[in-house]
Amino acid sequence: LYLDQFFLWEEILADIPKRPFITVGFLSFLLMIPLALTSTDRIAKWMGGKRWNRLHKLVYVSAVGGVIHYLWLVKADVQRPLTYGAILAVLLGVRVWYYLKPVVERRILAARQGREPSEA
C-alpha cells in the first residue's frame, strides 16, 4: 500500500476491483486488522478465551489469502509463491493433525473396547 499508492485511499479503492490479486491481498490485509486490534492481553481477557480464539482463527484465512495474492501477483517465476504455499500447507496440515489426533485416538480406543466413541 505505502510503496505503490502512498496510502492514497481513492487510488487504492479504485485499484481493488480492477485486479483480483489486489482484491485478495486487500481482503487478507483487512482480516488482519481485528487481529492486531485484539492482540493485547487486556483485550483478550476482556473478550474471553473462546471468542478471542475464534476471532484469531482468521489468521489462517488471511495466510491462505496472502499466498493466493502473491501467486496471482507474480507473472513469470511462481516458484517462490508456490514454496510459501507449500510451507503454509505443511503448517496447516500439522495444525489439522493435532486437532484430529484426539478424535481418532478416541475412536480407535472405542473400537478396541467394542463400543461407540463418545462425542466429548
N, C-alpha and C. Protein backbone atom coordinates (compact mmCIF):
# COMPACT_ATOMS: atom_id res chain seq x y z
N LEU A 1 0.82 -1.20 0.00
CA LEU A 1 0.00 0.00 0.00
C LEU A 1 0.85 1.26 0.00
N TYR A 2 1.82 1.29 0.89
CA TYR A 2 2.62 2.50 1.02
C TYR A 2 3.49 2.74 -0.21
N LEU A 3 4.21 1.72 -0.63
CA LEU A 3 5.15 1.91 -1.74
C LEU A 3 4.45 2.16 -3.07
N ASP A 4 3.31 1.53 -3.26
CA ASP A 4 2.64 1.65 -4.55
C ASP A 4 1.73 2.87 -4.63
N GLN A 5 0.93 3.12 -3.61
CA GLN A 5 -0.07 4.19 -3.68
C GLN A 5 0.12 5.26 -2.62
N PHE A 6 1.10 5.13 -1.76
CA PHE A 6 1.39 6.12 -0.71
C PHE A 6 0.15 6.42 0.14
N PHE A 7 -0.66 5.39 0.40
CA PHE A 7 -1.88 5.50 1.20
C PHE A 7 -2.86 6.52 0.66
N LEU A 8 -2.90 6.68 -0.65
CA LEU A 8 -3.94 7.49 -1.30
C LEU A 8 -5.16 6.58 -1.44
N TRP A 9 -6.07 6.68 -0.50
CA TRP A 9 -7.17 5.73 -0.41
C TRP A 9 -8.05 5.74 -1.65
N GLU A 10 -8.20 6.87 -2.31
CA GLU A 10 -9.00 6.90 -3.53
C GLU A 10 -8.37 6.00 -4.60
N GLU A 11 -7.05 6.10 -4.72
CA GLU A 11 -6.34 5.27 -5.70
C GLU A 11 -6.39 3.79 -5.33
N ILE A 12 -6.22 3.52 -4.06
CA ILE A 12 -6.26 2.13 -3.59
C ILE A 12 -7.63 1.53 -3.86
N LEU A 13 -8.68 2.24 -3.49
CA LEU A 13 -10.03 1.73 -3.68
C LEU A 13 -10.38 1.60 -5.16
N ALA A 14 -9.82 2.44 -6.00
CA ALA A 14 -10.06 2.32 -7.44
C ALA A 14 -9.35 1.11 -8.03
N ASP A 15 -8.20 0.73 -7.47
CA ASP A 15 -7.44 -0.42 -7.96
C ASP A 15 -8.02 -1.77 -7.54
N ILE A 16 -8.72 -1.80 -6.43
CA ILE A 16 -9.17 -3.08 -5.86
C ILE A 16 -10.00 -3.90 -6.84
N PRO A 17 -11.05 -3.36 -7.45
CA PRO A 17 -11.85 -4.23 -8.33
C PRO A 17 -11.18 -4.54 -9.67
N LYS A 18 -10.17 -3.79 -10.05
CA LYS A 18 -9.54 -3.99 -11.37
C LYS A 18 -8.71 -5.26 -11.45
N ARG A 19 -8.04 -5.59 -10.38
CA ARG A 19 -7.13 -6.74 -10.41
C ARG A 19 -7.44 -7.68 -9.25
N PRO A 20 -7.68 -8.95 -9.55
CA PRO A 20 -8.07 -9.89 -8.50
C PRO A 20 -7.01 -10.05 -7.41
N PHE A 21 -5.72 -9.98 -7.78
CA PHE A 21 -4.70 -10.16 -6.75
C PHE A 21 -4.75 -9.02 -5.73
N ILE A 22 -5.14 -7.83 -6.17
CA ILE A 22 -5.28 -6.72 -5.22
C ILE A 22 -6.47 -6.96 -4.31
N THR A 23 -7.56 -7.46 -4.87
CA THR A 23 -8.75 -7.75 -4.07
C THR A 23 -8.43 -8.76 -2.98
N VAL A 24 -7.79 -9.87 -3.35
CA VAL A 24 -7.46 -10.91 -2.37
C VAL A 24 -6.47 -10.38 -1.34
N GLY A 25 -5.46 -9.66 -1.79
CA GLY A 25 -4.47 -9.11 -0.86
C GLY A 25 -5.09 -8.10 0.09
N PHE A 26 -5.96 -7.26 -0.43
CA PHE A 26 -6.60 -6.25 0.41
C PHE A 26 -7.53 -6.90 1.43
N LEU A 27 -8.29 -7.90 1.01
CA LEU A 27 -9.16 -8.61 1.95
C LEU A 27 -8.34 -9.32 3.03
N SER A 28 -7.22 -9.91 2.64
CA SER A 28 -6.35 -10.56 3.63
C SER A 28 -5.80 -9.54 4.61
N PHE A 29 -5.43 -8.38 4.11
CA PHE A 29 -4.96 -7.29 4.97
C PHE A 29 -6.06 -6.84 5.92
N LEU A 30 -7.28 -6.68 5.40
CA LEU A 30 -8.39 -6.26 6.25
C LEU A 30 -8.69 -7.28 7.34
N LEU A 31 -8.54 -8.56 7.03
CA LEU A 31 -8.77 -9.60 8.04
C LEU A 31 -7.76 -9.52 9.18
N MET A 32 -6.60 -8.98 8.90
CA MET A 32 -5.57 -8.88 9.94
C MET A 32 -5.82 -7.71 10.90
N ILE A 33 -6.62 -6.73 10.51
CA ILE A 33 -6.84 -5.56 11.36
C ILE A 33 -7.49 -5.94 12.69
N PRO A 34 -8.59 -6.71 12.71
CA PRO A 34 -9.15 -7.07 14.02
C PRO A 34 -8.19 -7.91 14.86
N LEU A 35 -7.33 -8.66 14.21
CA LEU A 35 -6.35 -9.46 14.95
C LEU A 35 -5.33 -8.56 15.63
N ALA A 36 -4.90 -7.54 14.93
CA ALA A 36 -3.95 -6.59 15.51
C ALA A 36 -4.61 -5.81 16.65
N LEU A 37 -5.86 -5.42 16.46
CA LEU A 37 -6.55 -4.63 17.48
C LEU A 37 -6.85 -5.44 18.74
N THR A 38 -6.93 -6.75 18.62
CA THR A 38 -7.28 -7.59 19.77
C THR A 38 -6.11 -8.44 20.24
N SER A 39 -4.90 -8.05 19.92
CA SER A 39 -3.75 -8.89 20.25
C SER A 39 -3.18 -8.65 21.64
N THR A 40 -3.65 -7.66 22.36
CA THR A 40 -3.11 -7.41 23.70
C THR A 40 -3.76 -8.34 24.71
N ASP A 41 -3.06 -8.58 25.80
CA ASP A 41 -3.59 -9.44 26.86
C ASP A 41 -4.87 -8.88 27.45
N ARG A 42 -4.91 -7.57 27.60
CA ARG A 42 -6.09 -6.93 28.20
C ARG A 42 -7.34 -7.18 27.36
N ILE A 43 -7.23 -7.01 26.06
CA ILE A 43 -8.40 -7.21 25.20
C ILE A 43 -8.75 -8.69 25.11
N ALA A 44 -7.74 -9.56 25.07
CA ALA A 44 -8.01 -11.00 25.03
C ALA A 44 -8.77 -11.42 26.28
N LYS A 45 -8.39 -10.89 27.42
CA LYS A 45 -9.08 -11.21 28.67
C LYS A 45 -10.50 -10.67 28.64
N TRP A 46 -10.67 -9.45 28.13
CA TRP A 46 -11.98 -8.83 28.05
C TRP A 46 -12.91 -9.63 27.13
N MET A 47 -12.37 -10.12 26.01
CA MET A 47 -13.18 -10.87 25.05
C MET A 47 -13.52 -12.27 25.56
N GLY A 48 -12.68 -12.82 26.38
CA GLY A 48 -12.86 -14.21 26.79
C GLY A 48 -12.10 -15.12 25.83
N GLY A 49 -11.59 -16.20 26.37
CA GLY A 49 -10.72 -17.08 25.59
C GLY A 49 -11.36 -17.67 24.35
N LYS A 50 -12.61 -18.14 24.46
CA LYS A 50 -13.24 -18.79 23.31
C LYS A 50 -13.48 -17.81 22.17
N ARG A 51 -14.02 -16.64 22.50
CA ARG A 51 -14.29 -15.66 21.45
C ARG A 51 -12.99 -15.16 20.84
N TRP A 52 -11.97 -14.94 21.67
CA TRP A 52 -10.68 -14.47 21.17
C TRP A 52 -10.06 -15.50 20.24
N ASN A 53 -10.09 -16.77 20.66
CA ASN A 53 -9.54 -17.83 19.81
C ASN A 53 -10.30 -17.96 18.49
N ARG A 54 -11.62 -17.87 18.55
CA ARG A 54 -12.42 -17.97 17.33
C ARG A 54 -12.06 -16.83 16.37
N LEU A 55 -11.94 -15.62 16.90
CA LEU A 55 -11.57 -14.48 16.06
C LEU A 55 -10.18 -14.66 15.46
N HIS A 56 -9.25 -15.13 16.26
CA HIS A 56 -7.87 -15.23 15.80
C HIS A 56 -7.63 -16.40 14.84
N LYS A 57 -8.64 -17.22 14.62
CA LYS A 57 -8.53 -18.24 13.57
C LYS A 57 -8.62 -17.62 12.19
N LEU A 58 -8.98 -16.34 12.13
CA LEU A 58 -8.96 -15.63 10.85
C LEU A 58 -7.56 -15.57 10.26
N VAL A 59 -6.55 -15.77 11.09
CA VAL A 59 -5.18 -15.72 10.59
C VAL A 59 -4.96 -16.80 9.52
N TYR A 60 -5.65 -17.93 9.64
CA TYR A 60 -5.50 -18.99 8.65
C TYR A 60 -6.06 -18.55 7.30
N VAL A 61 -7.23 -17.94 7.33
CA VAL A 61 -7.85 -17.43 6.10
C VAL A 61 -6.97 -16.35 5.48
N SER A 62 -6.45 -15.47 6.33
CA SER A 62 -5.60 -14.39 5.86
C SER A 62 -4.30 -14.93 5.25
N ALA A 63 -3.73 -15.95 5.86
CA ALA A 63 -2.49 -16.53 5.35
C ALA A 63 -2.71 -17.17 3.98
N VAL A 64 -3.79 -17.91 3.84
CA VAL A 64 -4.11 -18.51 2.53
C VAL A 64 -4.34 -17.41 1.50
N GLY A 65 -5.06 -16.36 1.90
CA GLY A 65 -5.27 -15.23 1.00
C GLY A 65 -3.96 -14.56 0.61
N GLY A 66 -3.03 -14.48 1.55
CA GLY A 66 -1.72 -13.89 1.25
C GLY A 66 -0.95 -14.70 0.22
N VAL A 67 -1.01 -16.02 0.34
CA VAL A 67 -0.33 -16.87 -0.63
C VAL A 67 -0.99 -16.74 -2.01
N ILE A 68 -2.32 -16.73 -2.04
CA ILE A 68 -3.03 -16.56 -3.32
C ILE A 68 -2.69 -15.20 -3.93
N HIS A 69 -2.67 -14.17 -3.10
CA HIS A 69 -2.31 -12.82 -3.56
C HIS A 69 -0.93 -12.84 -4.21
N TYR A 70 0.03 -13.44 -3.54
CA TYR A 70 1.40 -13.47 -4.05
C TYR A 70 1.48 -14.29 -5.35
N LEU A 71 0.77 -15.41 -5.38
CA LEU A 71 0.79 -16.26 -6.57
C LEU A 71 0.20 -15.53 -7.77
N TRP A 72 -0.90 -14.82 -7.57
CA TRP A 72 -1.52 -14.08 -8.67
C TRP A 72 -0.71 -12.84 -9.05
N LEU A 73 0.03 -12.30 -8.10
CA LEU A 73 0.83 -11.10 -8.35
C LEU A 73 2.01 -11.39 -9.28
N VAL A 74 2.67 -12.52 -9.03
CA VAL A 74 3.87 -12.89 -9.78
C VAL A 74 3.46 -13.28 -11.19
N LYS A 75 4.17 -12.76 -12.15
CA LYS A 75 3.80 -13.01 -13.54
C LYS A 75 4.63 -14.10 -14.20
N ALA A 76 5.86 -14.27 -13.80
CA ALA A 76 6.73 -15.22 -14.51
C ALA A 76 7.11 -16.40 -13.63
N ASP A 77 8.00 -16.18 -12.69
CA ASP A 77 8.53 -17.26 -11.87
C ASP A 77 7.68 -17.44 -10.62
N VAL A 78 6.87 -18.48 -10.60
CA VAL A 78 5.96 -18.70 -9.47
C VAL A 78 6.56 -19.63 -8.42
N GLN A 79 7.87 -19.90 -8.52
CA GLN A 79 8.50 -20.83 -7.58
C GLN A 79 8.40 -20.34 -6.14
N ARG A 80 8.69 -19.08 -5.90
CA ARG A 80 8.67 -18.57 -4.53
C ARG A 80 7.26 -18.59 -3.92
N PRO A 81 6.21 -18.10 -4.62
CA PRO A 81 4.88 -18.20 -4.02
C PRO A 81 4.43 -19.64 -3.80
N LEU A 82 4.81 -20.54 -4.71
CA LEU A 82 4.46 -21.94 -4.51
C LEU A 82 5.21 -22.53 -3.32
N THR A 83 6.44 -22.10 -3.10
CA THR A 83 7.19 -22.54 -1.93
C THR A 83 6.50 -22.08 -0.65
N TYR A 84 6.10 -20.81 -0.63
CA TYR A 84 5.38 -20.29 0.54
C TYR A 84 4.06 -21.02 0.74
N GLY A 85 3.39 -21.32 -0.37
CA GLY A 85 2.15 -22.08 -0.28
C GLY A 85 2.37 -23.47 0.28
N ALA A 86 3.45 -24.12 -0.14
CA ALA A 86 3.77 -25.46 0.37
C ALA A 86 4.09 -25.41 1.86
N ILE A 87 4.85 -24.40 2.27
CA ILE A 87 5.17 -24.25 3.69
C ILE A 87 3.89 -24.04 4.49
N LEU A 88 3.01 -23.18 3.99
CA LEU A 88 1.74 -22.94 4.68
C LEU A 88 0.90 -24.21 4.73
N ALA A 89 0.87 -24.97 3.64
CA ALA A 89 0.11 -26.22 3.62
C ALA A 89 0.64 -27.21 4.65
N VAL A 90 1.95 -27.30 4.79
CA VAL A 90 2.53 -28.19 5.80
C VAL A 90 2.15 -27.72 7.20
N LEU A 91 2.28 -26.42 7.45
CA LEU A 91 1.94 -25.89 8.78
C LEU A 91 0.46 -26.09 9.10
N LEU A 92 -0.42 -25.84 8.13
CA LEU A 92 -1.84 -26.06 8.36
C LEU A 92 -2.14 -27.55 8.52
N GLY A 93 -1.43 -28.39 7.78
CA GLY A 93 -1.60 -29.83 7.93
C GLY A 93 -1.22 -30.31 9.32
N VAL A 94 -0.16 -29.76 9.88
CA VAL A 94 0.24 -30.10 11.25
C VAL A 94 -0.84 -29.67 12.23
N ARG A 95 -1.40 -28.47 12.02
CA ARG A 95 -2.48 -27.99 12.89
C ARG A 95 -3.69 -28.93 12.82
N VAL A 96 -4.07 -29.35 11.62
CA VAL A 96 -5.20 -30.26 11.45
C VAL A 96 -4.90 -31.60 12.11
N TRP A 97 -3.68 -32.08 11.96
CA TRP A 97 -3.29 -33.36 12.57
C TRP A 97 -3.45 -33.30 14.09
N TYR A 98 -2.94 -32.26 14.72
CA TYR A 98 -3.05 -32.16 16.17
C TYR A 98 -4.48 -31.92 16.62
N TYR A 99 -5.29 -31.35 15.76
CA TYR A 99 -6.71 -31.16 16.09
C TYR A 99 -7.46 -32.48 16.00
N LEU A 100 -7.17 -33.28 14.98
CA LEU A 100 -7.90 -34.53 14.75
C LEU A 100 -7.34 -35.72 15.52
N LYS A 101 -6.11 -35.63 15.97
CA LYS A 101 -5.47 -36.77 16.64
C LYS A 101 -6.27 -37.29 17.83
N PRO A 102 -6.76 -36.45 18.77
CA PRO A 102 -7.54 -36.98 19.89
C PRO A 102 -8.84 -37.65 19.44
N VAL A 103 -9.47 -37.14 18.41
CA VAL A 103 -10.71 -37.74 17.91
C VAL A 103 -10.44 -39.13 17.37
N VAL A 104 -9.40 -39.28 16.60
CA VAL A 104 -9.04 -40.58 16.02
C VAL A 104 -8.66 -41.55 17.14
N GLU A 105 -7.89 -41.08 18.12
CA GLU A 105 -7.49 -41.95 19.23
C GLU A 105 -8.70 -42.44 20.02
N ARG A 106 -9.70 -41.56 20.24
CA ARG A 106 -10.91 -41.98 20.95
C ARG A 106 -11.67 -43.04 20.16
N ARG A 107 -11.75 -42.86 18.86
CA ARG A 107 -12.46 -43.83 18.03
C ARG A 107 -11.74 -45.17 18.01
N ILE A 108 -10.43 -45.15 17.95
CA ILE A 108 -9.66 -46.41 17.97
C ILE A 108 -9.85 -47.11 19.30
N LEU A 109 -9.76 -46.37 20.39
CA LEU A 109 -9.95 -46.94 21.72
C LEU A 109 -11.35 -47.52 21.86
N ALA A 110 -12.35 -46.79 21.38
CA ALA A 110 -13.73 -47.27 21.47
C ALA A 110 -13.92 -48.53 20.62
N ALA A 111 -13.30 -48.58 19.46
CA ALA A 111 -13.42 -49.76 18.60
C ALA A 111 -12.78 -50.98 19.26
N ARG A 112 -11.66 -50.76 19.93
CA ARG A 112 -11.00 -51.86 20.62
C ARG A 112 -11.84 -52.38 21.77
N GLN A 113 -12.58 -51.49 22.40
CA GLN A 113 -13.41 -51.88 23.54
C GLN A 113 -14.80 -52.33 23.09
N GLY A 114 -15.08 -52.26 21.79
CA GLY A 114 -16.34 -52.73 21.26
C GLY A 114 -17.53 -51.84 21.59
N ARG A 115 -17.33 -50.54 21.63
CA ARG A 115 -18.44 -49.63 21.92
C ARG A 115 -18.35 -48.41 21.00
N GLU A 116 -19.40 -47.61 21.04
CA GLU A 116 -19.44 -46.38 20.24
C GLU A 116 -18.54 -45.33 20.88
N PRO A 117 -17.83 -44.54 20.06
CA PRO A 117 -16.98 -43.48 20.63
C PRO A 117 -17.83 -42.37 21.22
N SER A 118 -17.32 -41.78 22.29
CA SER A 118 -18.02 -40.65 22.91
C SER A 118 -17.78 -39.40 22.09
N GLU A 119 -18.69 -38.45 22.19
CA GLU A 119 -18.58 -37.20 21.45
C GLU A 119 -17.82 -36.15 22.23
N ALA A 120 -17.32 -36.45 23.41
CA ALA A 120 -16.64 -35.47 24.25
C ALA A 120 -15.31 -35.12 23.76
